[in-house]
Amino acid sequence: MVKAWKPDMTTEQLSADDWIKQGLKALARSGFTALKADPLAKAMGVSRGSFYWHFADLGAFQAAVLKRWREIAAEQIIADVEAGGDEPLRALLRRSFGTRLDLERAVRNWAAFDAAAQGAVRAIDRRRLDYIEQLLARRGLEAATAQARAQILYWTFLGFALSGAPVPAARLQALLDEVFTMVSA
Protein backbone atom coordinates (compact mmCIF):
# COMPACT_ATOMS: atom_id res chain seq x y z
CA MET A 1 0.00 0.00 0.00
CA VAL A 2 1.39 3.39 -1.02
CA LYS A 3 0.80 6.21 1.43
CA ALA A 4 -0.23 9.58 0.10
CA TRP A 5 2.40 12.30 0.51
CA LYS A 6 1.53 14.91 3.08
CA PRO A 7 3.48 18.10 3.56
CA ASP A 8 5.51 18.31 6.74
CA MET A 9 3.23 20.40 8.94
CA THR A 10 6.13 21.23 11.27
CA THR A 11 8.03 22.88 8.43
CA GLU A 12 5.00 24.84 7.33
CA GLN A 13 4.41 26.11 10.84
CA LEU A 14 7.96 27.15 11.67
CA SER A 15 8.46 30.88 11.88
CA ALA A 16 11.56 33.01 11.65
CA ASP A 17 11.26 33.36 15.43
CA ASP A 18 11.46 29.55 15.84
CA TRP A 19 14.70 29.53 13.86
CA ILE A 20 16.13 32.43 15.85
CA LYS A 21 15.29 30.75 19.16
CA GLN A 22 16.94 27.55 17.96
CA GLY A 23 19.93 29.60 16.81
CA LEU A 24 20.30 31.20 20.24
CA LYS A 25 20.18 27.78 21.91
CA ALA A 26 22.77 26.38 19.50
CA LEU A 27 24.97 29.45 19.93
CA ALA A 28 24.90 29.20 23.73
CA ARG A 29 25.52 25.45 23.67
CA SER A 30 28.01 25.03 20.83
CA GLY A 31 29.25 28.44 19.72
CA PHE A 32 28.87 30.44 16.54
CA THR A 33 30.02 27.62 14.27
CA ALA A 34 26.70 25.90 15.05
CA LEU A 35 24.78 28.70 13.29
CA LYS A 36 24.29 26.87 10.01
CA ALA A 37 21.10 25.78 8.27
CA ASP A 38 21.81 22.05 8.14
CA PRO A 39 22.61 21.37 11.82
CA LEU A 40 19.80 23.67 12.97
CA ALA A 41 17.30 21.96 10.67
CA LYS A 42 18.44 18.57 11.89
CA ALA A 43 18.05 19.63 15.52
CA MET A 44 14.52 20.85 14.74
CA GLY A 45 13.64 17.74 12.74
CA VAL A 46 12.88 19.63 9.51
CA SER A 47 14.44 20.27 6.13
CA ARG A 48 16.53 23.38 5.60
CA GLY A 49 14.00 24.69 3.07
CA SER A 50 12.13 26.37 5.90
CA PHE A 51 15.33 28.16 6.91
CA TYR A 52 15.71 29.66 3.44
CA TRP A 53 12.03 30.55 3.33
CA HIS A 54 12.59 32.91 6.27
CA PHE A 55 16.18 34.07 5.67
CA ALA A 56 17.82 35.05 2.39
CA ASP A 57 21.12 33.57 3.51
CA LEU A 58 23.20 32.69 6.53
CA GLY A 59 24.25 36.31 7.01
CA ALA A 60 20.64 37.44 7.30
CA PHE A 61 19.98 34.71 9.87
CA GLN A 62 23.05 35.63 11.89
CA ALA A 63 22.01 39.30 11.84
CA ALA A 64 18.58 38.29 13.19
CA VAL A 65 20.20 36.20 15.95
CA LEU A 66 22.42 39.13 16.97
CA LYS A 67 19.45 41.50 16.94
CA ARG A 68 17.50 39.15 19.24
CA TRP A 69 20.48 38.77 21.54
CA ARG A 70 20.64 42.55 21.89
CA GLU A 71 16.93 42.63 22.72
CA ILE A 72 17.10 39.95 25.42
CA ALA A 73 20.52 40.83 26.83
CA ALA A 74 19.86 44.55 27.24
CA GLU A 75 16.43 45.91 26.37
CA GLN A 76 14.42 43.14 28.04
CA ILE A 77 16.53 43.30 31.18
CA ILE A 78 16.28 47.09 31.36
CA ALA A 79 12.50 46.96 30.87
CA ASP A 80 12.17 44.33 33.62
CA VAL A 81 14.32 46.35 36.02
CA GLU A 82 12.35 49.52 35.34
CA ALA A 83 9.00 47.74 35.75
CA GLY A 84 9.99 46.07 39.01
CA GLY A 85 9.40 47.55 42.42
CA ASP A 86 12.93 47.01 43.71
CA GLU A 87 15.73 49.53 43.82
CA PRO A 88 16.83 49.51 40.13
CA LEU A 89 20.60 49.18 40.62
CA ARG A 90 20.20 46.32 43.09
CA ALA A 91 17.66 44.64 40.78
CA LEU A 92 20.04 45.02 37.82
CA LEU A 93 22.86 43.41 39.78
CA ARG A 94 20.70 40.46 40.81
CA ARG A 95 19.42 40.00 37.27
CA SER A 96 22.76 40.38 35.52
CA PHE A 97 24.87 38.28 37.87
CA GLY A 98 22.16 35.79 38.75
CA THR A 99 21.57 34.26 35.31
CA ARG A 100 23.41 31.76 33.14
CA LEU A 101 25.77 33.61 30.90
CA ASP A 102 26.58 30.95 28.29
CA LEU A 103 25.03 33.08 25.55
CA GLU A 104 27.02 36.14 26.65
CA ARG A 105 30.27 34.18 26.43
CA ALA A 106 29.31 32.67 23.06
CA VAL A 107 28.49 36.02 21.44
CA ARG A 108 31.68 37.59 22.75
CA ASN A 109 33.68 34.66 21.40
CA TRP A 110 31.93 35.06 18.05
CA ALA A 111 32.85 38.76 18.06
CA ALA A 112 36.53 37.81 18.03
CA PHE A 113 36.00 36.33 14.55
CA ASP A 114 33.15 38.31 12.99
CA ALA A 115 32.73 42.05 12.36
CA ALA A 116 28.92 41.98 12.65
CA ALA A 117 29.08 40.21 16.00
CA GLN A 118 31.76 42.65 17.11
CA GLY A 119 29.47 45.55 16.20
CA ALA A 120 26.61 44.01 18.17
CA VAL A 121 28.85 43.57 21.21
CA ARG A 122 30.05 47.18 21.01
CA ALA A 123 26.46 48.41 20.73
CA ILE A 124 25.25 46.37 23.69
CA ASP A 125 28.25 47.40 25.79
CA ARG A 126 27.44 51.06 25.10
CA ARG A 127 23.73 50.57 25.87
CA ARG A 128 24.46 48.78 29.13
CA LEU A 129 27.05 51.35 30.22
CA ASP A 130 24.68 54.22 29.46
CA TYR A 131 21.95 52.56 31.51
CA ILE A 132 24.22 51.91 34.49
CA GLU A 133 25.38 55.54 34.35
CA GLN A 134 21.73 56.66 34.40
CA LEU A 135 21.02 54.51 37.45
CA LEU A 136 24.01 55.91 39.29
CA ALA A 137 23.11 59.50 38.32
CA ARG A 138 19.59 58.89 39.67
CA ARG A 139 21.24 58.00 42.98
CA GLY A 140 22.83 61.48 43.00
CA LEU A 141 26.33 60.76 41.72
CA GLU A 142 28.01 63.43 39.61
CA ALA A 143 28.31 62.61 35.90
CA ALA A 144 32.06 61.86 35.95
CA THR A 145 31.74 59.66 39.04
CA ALA A 146 28.72 57.85 37.62
CA GLN A 147 30.60 57.21 34.38
CA ALA A 148 33.71 55.87 36.17
CA ARG A 149 31.73 53.64 38.51
CA ALA A 150 29.54 52.37 35.67
CA GLN A 151 32.69 51.33 33.79
CA ILE A 152 34.11 49.59 36.85
CA LEU A 153 30.82 47.81 37.49
CA TYR A 154 30.58 46.73 33.86
CA TRP A 155 34.14 45.40 33.86
CA THR A 156 33.21 43.45 36.99
CA PHE A 157 30.21 41.96 35.18
CA LEU A 158 32.29 41.05 32.12
CA GLY A 159 34.93 39.36 34.28
CA PHE A 160 32.22 37.38 36.01
CA ALA A 161 30.48 36.50 32.73
CA LEU A 162 33.63 35.40 30.97
CA SER A 163 35.01 33.41 33.89
CA GLY A 164 32.12 30.98 33.78
CA ALA A 165 33.00 29.85 37.29
CA PRO A 166 29.96 28.94 39.39
CA VAL A 167 29.54 30.85 42.63
CA PRO A 168 27.33 29.51 45.44
CA ALA A 169 24.18 31.60 45.87
CA ALA A 170 24.99 32.89 49.37
CA ARG A 171 28.52 33.89 48.33
CA LEU A 172 27.23 35.58 45.18
CA GLN A 173 24.70 37.59 47.19
CA ALA A 174 27.41 38.73 49.61
CA LEU A 175 29.60 39.78 46.67
CA LEU A 176 26.71 41.65 45.02
CA ASP A 177 25.96 43.46 48.28
CA GLU A 178 29.60 44.57 48.43
CA VAL A 179 29.59 45.65 44.78
CA PHE A 180 26.38 47.61 45.37
CA THR A 181 27.93 49.38 48.35
CA MET A 182 31.12 50.17 46.42
CA VAL A 183 29.49 51.66 43.35
CA SER A 184 26.59 53.48 44.97
CA ALA A 185 28.34 55.03 47.99
C-alpha atoms as a PDB file:
ATOM      1  CA  MET A   1       0.000   0.000   0.000  1.00  0.00           C
ATOM      2  CA  VAL A   2       1.387   3.388  -1.015  1.00  0.00           C
ATOM      3  CA  LYS A   3       0.802   6.214   1.427  1.00  0.00           C
ATOM      4  CA  ALA A   4      -0.229   9.580   0.098  1.00  0.00           C
ATOM      5  CA  TRP A   5       2.398  12.301   0.512  1.00  0.00           C
ATOM      6  CA  LYS A   6       1.529  14.909   3.081  1.00  0.00           C
ATOM      7  CA  PRO A   7       3.482  18.098   3.563  1.00  0.00           C
ATOM      8  CA  ASP A   8       5.510  18.306   6.735  1.00  0.00           C
ATOM      9  CA  MET A   9       3.233  20.403   8.943  1.00  0.00           C
ATOM     10  CA  THR A  10       6.126  21.231  11.273  1.00  0.00           C
ATOM     11  CA  THR A  11       8.029  22.877   8.435  1.00  0.00           C
ATOM     12  CA  GLU A  12       5.002  24.841   7.328  1.00  0.00           C
ATOM     13  CA  GLN A  13       4.406  26.108  10.842  1.00  0.00           C
ATOM     14  CA  LEU A  14       7.960  27.151  11.669  1.00  0.00           C
ATOM     15  CA  SER A  15       8.456  30.883  11.883  1.00  0.00           C
ATOM     16  CA  ALA A  16      11.561  33.014  11.650  1.00  0.00           C
ATOM     17  CA  ASP A  17      11.256  33.361  15.426  1.00  0.00           C
ATOM     18  CA  ASP A  18      11.457  29.555  15.836  1.00  0.00           C
ATOM     19  CA  TRP A  19      14.697  29.527  13.857  1.00  0.00           C
ATOM     20  CA  ILE A  20      16.126  32.434  15.847  1.00  0.00           C
ATOM     21  CA  LYS A  21      15.288  30.746  19.161  1.00  0.00           C
ATOM     22  CA  GLN A  22      16.941  27.548  17.962  1.00  0.00           C
ATOM     23  CA  GLY A  23      19.927  29.602  16.808  1.00  0.00           C
ATOM     24  CA  LEU A  24      20.296  31.198  20.238  1.00  0.00           C
ATOM     25  CA  LYS A  25      20.176  27.781  21.905  1.00  0.00           C
ATOM     26  CA  ALA A  26      22.771  26.376  19.496  1.00  0.00           C
ATOM     27  CA  LEU A  27      24.971  29.446  19.927  1.00  0.00           C
ATOM     28  CA  ALA A  28      24.898  29.197  23.735  1.00  0.00           C
ATOM     29  CA  ARG A  29      25.517  25.447  23.672  1.00  0.00           C
ATOM     30  CA  SER A  30      28.008  25.029  20.826  1.00  0.00           C
ATOM     31  CA  GLY A  31      29.247  28.441  19.722  1.00  0.00           C
ATOM     32  CA  PHE A  32      28.869  30.444  16.541  1.00  0.00           C
ATOM     33  CA  THR A  33      30.018  27.622  14.265  1.00  0.00           C
ATOM     34  CA  ALA A  34      26.700  25.896  15.049  1.00  0.00           C
ATOM     35  CA  LEU A  35      24.778  28.696  13.294  1.00  0.00           C
ATOM     36  CA  LYS A  36      24.285  26.866  10.006  1.00  0.00           C
ATOM     37  CA  ALA A  37      21.103  25.785   8.274  1.00  0.00           C
ATOM     38  CA  ASP A  38      21.815  22.045   8.138  1.00  0.00           C
ATOM     39  CA  PRO A  39      22.606  21.375  11.816  1.00  0.00           C
ATOM     40  CA  LEU A  40      19.805  23.673  12.972  1.00  0.00           C
ATOM     41  CA  ALA A  41      17.299  21.960  10.668  1.00  0.00           C
ATOM     42  CA  LYS A  42      18.444  18.565  11.892  1.00  0.00           C
ATOM     43  CA  ALA A  43      18.048  19.635  15.515  1.00  0.00           C
ATOM     44  CA  MET A  44      14.522  20.846  14.739  1.00  0.00           C
ATOM     45  CA  GLY A  45      13.645  17.743  12.737  1.00  0.00           C
ATOM     46  CA  VAL A  46      12.881  19.628   9.511  1.00  0.00           C
ATOM     47  CA  SER A  47      14.444  20.273   6.128  1.00  0.00           C
ATOM     48  CA  ARG A  48      16.530  23.384   5.603  1.00  0.00           C
ATOM     49  CA  GLY A  49      14.000  24.692   3.072  1.00  0.00           C
ATOM     50  CA  SER A  50      12.130  26.375   5.904  1.00  0.00           C
ATOM     51  CA  PHE A  51      15.327  28.164   6.907  1.00  0.00           C
ATOM     52  CA  TYR A  52      15.713  29.664   3.439  1.00  0.00           C
ATOM     53  CA  TRP A  53      12.032  30.554   3.331  1.00  0.00           C
ATOM     54  CA  HIS A  54      12.594  32.909   6.265  1.00  0.00           C
ATOM     55  CA  PHE A  55      16.180  34.066   5.667  1.00  0.00           C
ATOM     56  CA  ALA A  56      17.820  35.050   2.388  1.00  0.00           C
ATOM     57  CA  ASP A  57      21.115  33.569   3.507  1.00  0.00           C
ATOM     58  CA  LEU A  58      23.197  32.685   6.529  1.00  0.00           C
ATOM     59  CA  GLY A  59      24.252  36.314   7.009  1.00  0.00           C
ATOM     60  CA  ALA A  60      20.640  37.438   7.299  1.00  0.00           C
ATOM     61  CA  PHE A  61      19.980  34.713   9.866  1.00  0.00           C
ATOM     62  CA  GLN A  62      23.049  35.630  11.895  1.00  0.00           C
ATOM     63  CA  ALA A  63      22.011  39.295  11.840  1.00  0.00           C
ATOM     64  CA  ALA A  64      18.582  38.285  13.187  1.00  0.00           C
ATOM     65  CA  VAL A  65      20.204  36.202  15.946  1.00  0.00           C
ATOM     66  CA  LEU A  66      22.422  39.126  16.966  1.00  0.00           C
ATOM     67  CA  LYS A  67      19.454  41.498  16.942  1.00  0.00           C
ATOM     68  CA  ARG A  68      17.496  39.153  19.240  1.00  0.00           C
ATOM     69  CA  TRP A  69      20.480  38.772  21.539  1.00  0.00           C
ATOM     70  CA  ARG A  70      20.640  42.552  21.886  1.00  0.00           C
ATOM     71  CA  GLU A  71      16.925  42.626  22.718  1.00  0.00           C
ATOM     72  CA  ILE A  72      17.097  39.946  25.418  1.00  0.00           C
ATOM     73  CA  ALA A  73      20.515  40.829  26.826  1.00  0.00           C
ATOM     74  CA  ALA A  74      19.855  44.549  27.241  1.00  0.00           C
ATOM     75  CA  GLU A  75      16.427  45.915  26.366  1.00  0.00           C
ATOM     76  CA  GLN A  76      14.415  43.141  28.042  1.00  0.00           C
ATOM     77  CA  ILE A  77      16.528  43.302  31.180  1.00  0.00           C
ATOM     78  CA  ILE A  78      16.280  47.092  31.362  1.00  0.00           C
ATOM     79  CA  ALA A  79      12.497  46.955  30.870  1.00  0.00           C
ATOM     80  CA  ASP A  80      12.167  44.331  33.623  1.00  0.00           C
ATOM     81  CA  VAL A  81      14.324  46.347  36.022  1.00  0.00           C
ATOM     82  CA  GLU A  82      12.345  49.521  35.343  1.00  0.00           C
ATOM     83  CA  ALA A  83       9.004  47.738  35.746  1.00  0.00           C
ATOM     84  CA  GLY A  84       9.994  46.070  39.011  1.00  0.00           C
ATOM     85  CA  GLY A  85       9.398  47.549  42.420  1.00  0.00           C
ATOM     86  CA  ASP A  86      12.932  47.007  43.709  1.00  0.00           C
ATOM     87  CA  GLU A  87      15.732  49.534  43.816  1.00  0.00           C
ATOM     88  CA  PRO A  88      16.833  49.507  40.134  1.00  0.00           C
ATOM     89  CA  LEU A  89      20.598  49.180  40.623  1.00  0.00           C
ATOM     90  CA  ARG A  90      20.198  46.324  43.090  1.00  0.00           C
ATOM     91  CA  ALA A  91      17.664  44.639  40.776  1.00  0.00           C
ATOM     92  CA  LEU A  92      20.043  45.020  37.816  1.00  0.00           C
ATOM     93  CA  LEU A  93      22.864  43.413  39.777  1.00  0.00           C
ATOM     94  CA  ARG A  94      20.696  40.464  40.809  1.00  0.00           C
ATOM     95  CA  ARG A  95      19.419  40.003  37.273  1.00  0.00           C
ATOM     96  CA  SER A  96      22.764  40.379  35.524  1.00  0.00           C
ATOM     97  CA  PHE A  97      24.870  38.282  37.872  1.00  0.00           C
ATOM     98  CA  GLY A  98      22.162  35.785  38.754  1.00  0.00           C
ATOM     99  CA  THR A  99      21.573  34.258  35.311  1.00  0.00           C
ATOM    100  CA  ARG A 100      23.407  31.759  33.142  1.00  0.00           C
ATOM    101  CA  LEU A 101      25.770  33.609  30.900  1.00  0.00           C
ATOM    102  CA  ASP A 102      26.582  30.950  28.288  1.00  0.00           C
ATOM    103  CA  LEU A 103      25.031  33.080  25.554  1.00  0.00           C
ATOM    104  CA  GLU A 104      27.020  36.142  26.648  1.00  0.00           C
ATOM    105  CA  ARG A 105      30.271  34.184  26.427  1.00  0.00           C
ATOM    106  CA  ALA A 106      29.312  32.669  23.063  1.00  0.00           C
ATOM    107  CA  VAL A 107      28.494  36.016  21.440  1.00  0.00           C
ATOM    108  CA  ARG A 108      31.684  37.592  22.755  1.00  0.00           C
ATOM    109  CA  ASN A 109      33.682  34.662  21.397  1.00  0.00           C
ATOM    110  CA  TRP A 110      31.928  35.065  18.048  1.00  0.00           C
ATOM    111  CA  ALA A 111      32.852  38.759  18.060  1.00  0.00           C
ATOM    112  CA  ALA A 112      36.529  37.812  18.032  1.00  0.00           C
ATOM    113  CA  PHE A 113      35.997  36.332  14.547  1.00  0.00           C
ATOM    114  CA  ASP A 114      33.148  38.311  12.991  1.00  0.00           C
ATOM    115  CA  ALA A 115      32.726  42.048  12.357  1.00  0.00           C
ATOM    116  CA  ALA A 116      28.921  41.978  12.649  1.00  0.00           C
ATOM    117  CA  ALA A 117      29.078  40.205  16.005  1.00  0.00           C
ATOM    118  CA  GLN A 118      31.763  42.650  17.108  1.00  0.00           C
ATOM    119  CA  GLY A 119      29.473  45.551  16.198  1.00  0.00           C
ATOM    120  CA  ALA A 120      26.606  44.008  18.172  1.00  0.00           C
ATOM    121  CA  VAL A 121      28.847  43.568  21.210  1.00  0.00           C
ATOM    122  CA  ARG A 122      30.053  47.176  21.006  1.00  0.00           C
ATOM    123  CA  ALA A 123      26.460  48.408  20.726  1.00  0.00           C
ATOM    124  CA  ILE A 124      25.252  46.374  23.690  1.00  0.00           C
ATOM    125  CA  ASP A 125      28.246  47.404  25.788  1.00  0.00           C
ATOM    126  CA  ARG A 126      27.441  51.062  25.101  1.00  0.00           C
ATOM    127  CA  ARG A 127      23.733  50.574  25.871  1.00  0.00           C
ATOM    128  CA  ARG A 128      24.459  48.784  29.128  1.00  0.00           C
ATOM    129  CA  LEU A 129      27.048  51.349  30.221  1.00  0.00           C
ATOM    130  CA  ASP A 130      24.678  54.222  29.464  1.00  0.00           C
ATOM    131  CA  TYR A 131      21.950  52.558  31.508  1.00  0.00           C
ATOM    132  CA  ILE A 132      24.221  51.909  34.488  1.00  0.00           C
ATOM    133  CA  GLU A 133      25.378  55.542  34.350  1.00  0.00           C
ATOM    134  CA  GLN A 134      21.731  56.659  34.397  1.00  0.00           C
ATOM    135  CA  LEU A 135      21.020  54.509  37.449  1.00  0.00           C
ATOM    136  CA  LEU A 136      24.014  55.906  39.289  1.00  0.00           C
ATOM    137  CA  ALA A 137      23.112  59.496  38.317  1.00  0.00           C
ATOM    138  CA  ARG A 138      19.587  58.892  39.674  1.00  0.00           C
ATOM    139  CA  ARG A 139      21.241  58.004  42.977  1.00  0.00           C
ATOM    140  CA  GLY A 140      22.829  61.478  43.000  1.00  0.00           C
ATOM    141  CA  LEU A 141      26.333  60.756  41.725  1.00  0.00           C
ATOM    142  CA  GLU A 142      28.006  63.427  39.612  1.00  0.00           C
ATOM    143  CA  ALA A 143      28.314  62.606  35.902  1.00  0.00           C
ATOM    144  CA  ALA A 144      32.064  61.856  35.951  1.00  0.00           C
ATOM    145  CA  THR A 145      31.737  59.662  39.043  1.00  0.00           C
ATOM    146  CA  ALA A 146      28.717  57.845  37.620  1.00  0.00           C
ATOM    147  CA  GLN A 147      30.603  57.213  34.381  1.00  0.00           C
ATOM    148  CA  ALA A 148      33.708  55.873  36.165  1.00  0.00           C
ATOM    149  CA  ARG A 149      31.732  53.641  38.512  1.00  0.00           C
ATOM    150  CA  ALA A 150      29.544  52.366  35.666  1.00  0.00           C
ATOM    151  CA  GLN A 151      32.685  51.333  33.791  1.00  0.00           C
ATOM    152  CA  ILE A 152      34.114  49.588  36.852  1.00  0.00           C
ATOM    153  CA  LEU A 153      30.823  47.812  37.490  1.00  0.00           C
ATOM    154  CA  TYR A 154      30.582  46.732  33.862  1.00  0.00           C
ATOM    155  CA  TRP A 155      34.139  45.400  33.858  1.00  0.00           C
ATOM    156  CA  THR A 156      33.207  43.450  36.989  1.00  0.00           C
ATOM    157  CA  PHE A 157      30.211  41.963  35.181  1.00  0.00           C
ATOM    158  CA  LEU A 158      32.294  41.047  32.121  1.00  0.00           C
ATOM    159  CA  GLY A 159      34.928  39.361  34.276  1.00  0.00           C
ATOM    160  CA  PHE A 160      32.219  37.379  36.011  1.00  0.00           C
ATOM    161  CA  ALA A 161      30.481  36.497  32.735  1.00  0.00           C
ATOM    162  CA  LEU A 162      33.632  35.402  30.973  1.00  0.00           C
ATOM    163  CA  SER A 163      35.014  33.409  33.894  1.00  0.00           C
ATOM    164  CA  GLY A 164      32.115  30.977  33.781  1.00  0.00           C
ATOM    165  CA  ALA A 165      33.003  29.846  37.291  1.00  0.00           C
ATOM    166  CA  PRO A 166      29.961  28.937  39.393  1.00  0.00           C
ATOM    167  CA  VAL A 167      29.539  30.847  42.631  1.00  0.00           C
ATOM    168  CA  PRO A 168      27.331  29.505  45.439  1.00  0.00           C
ATOM    169  CA  ALA A 169      24.182  31.603  45.869  1.00  0.00           C
ATOM    170  CA  ALA A 170      24.995  32.888  49.371  1.00  0.00           C
ATOM    171  CA  ARG A 171      28.525  33.888  48.331  1.00  0.00           C
ATOM    172  CA  LEU A 172      27.231  35.585  45.177  1.00  0.00           C
ATOM    173  CA  GLN A 173      24.697  37.591  47.192  1.00  0.00           C
ATOM    174  CA  ALA A 174      27.410  38.732  49.608  1.00  0.00           C
ATOM    175  CA  LEU A 175      29.598  39.781  46.667  1.00  0.00           C
ATOM    176  CA  LEU A 176      26.709  41.647  45.016  1.00  0.00           C
ATOM    177  CA  ASP A 177      25.956  43.456  48.281  1.00  0.00           C
ATOM    178  CA  GLU A 178      29.598  44.565  48.429  1.00  0.00           C
ATOM    179  CA  VAL A 179      29.591  45.651  44.778  1.00  0.00           C
ATOM    180  CA  PHE A 180      26.383  47.613  45.367  1.00  0.00           C
ATOM    181  CA  THR A 181      27.934  49.380  48.347  1.00  0.00           C
ATOM    182  CA  MET A 182      31.117  50.168  46.423  1.00  0.00           C
ATOM    183  CA  VAL A 183      29.486  51.665  43.348  1.00  0.00           C
ATOM    184  CA  SER A 184      26.593  53.481  44.974  1.00  0.00           C
ATOM    185  CA  ALA A 185      28.337  55.033  47.994  1.00  0.00           C
END
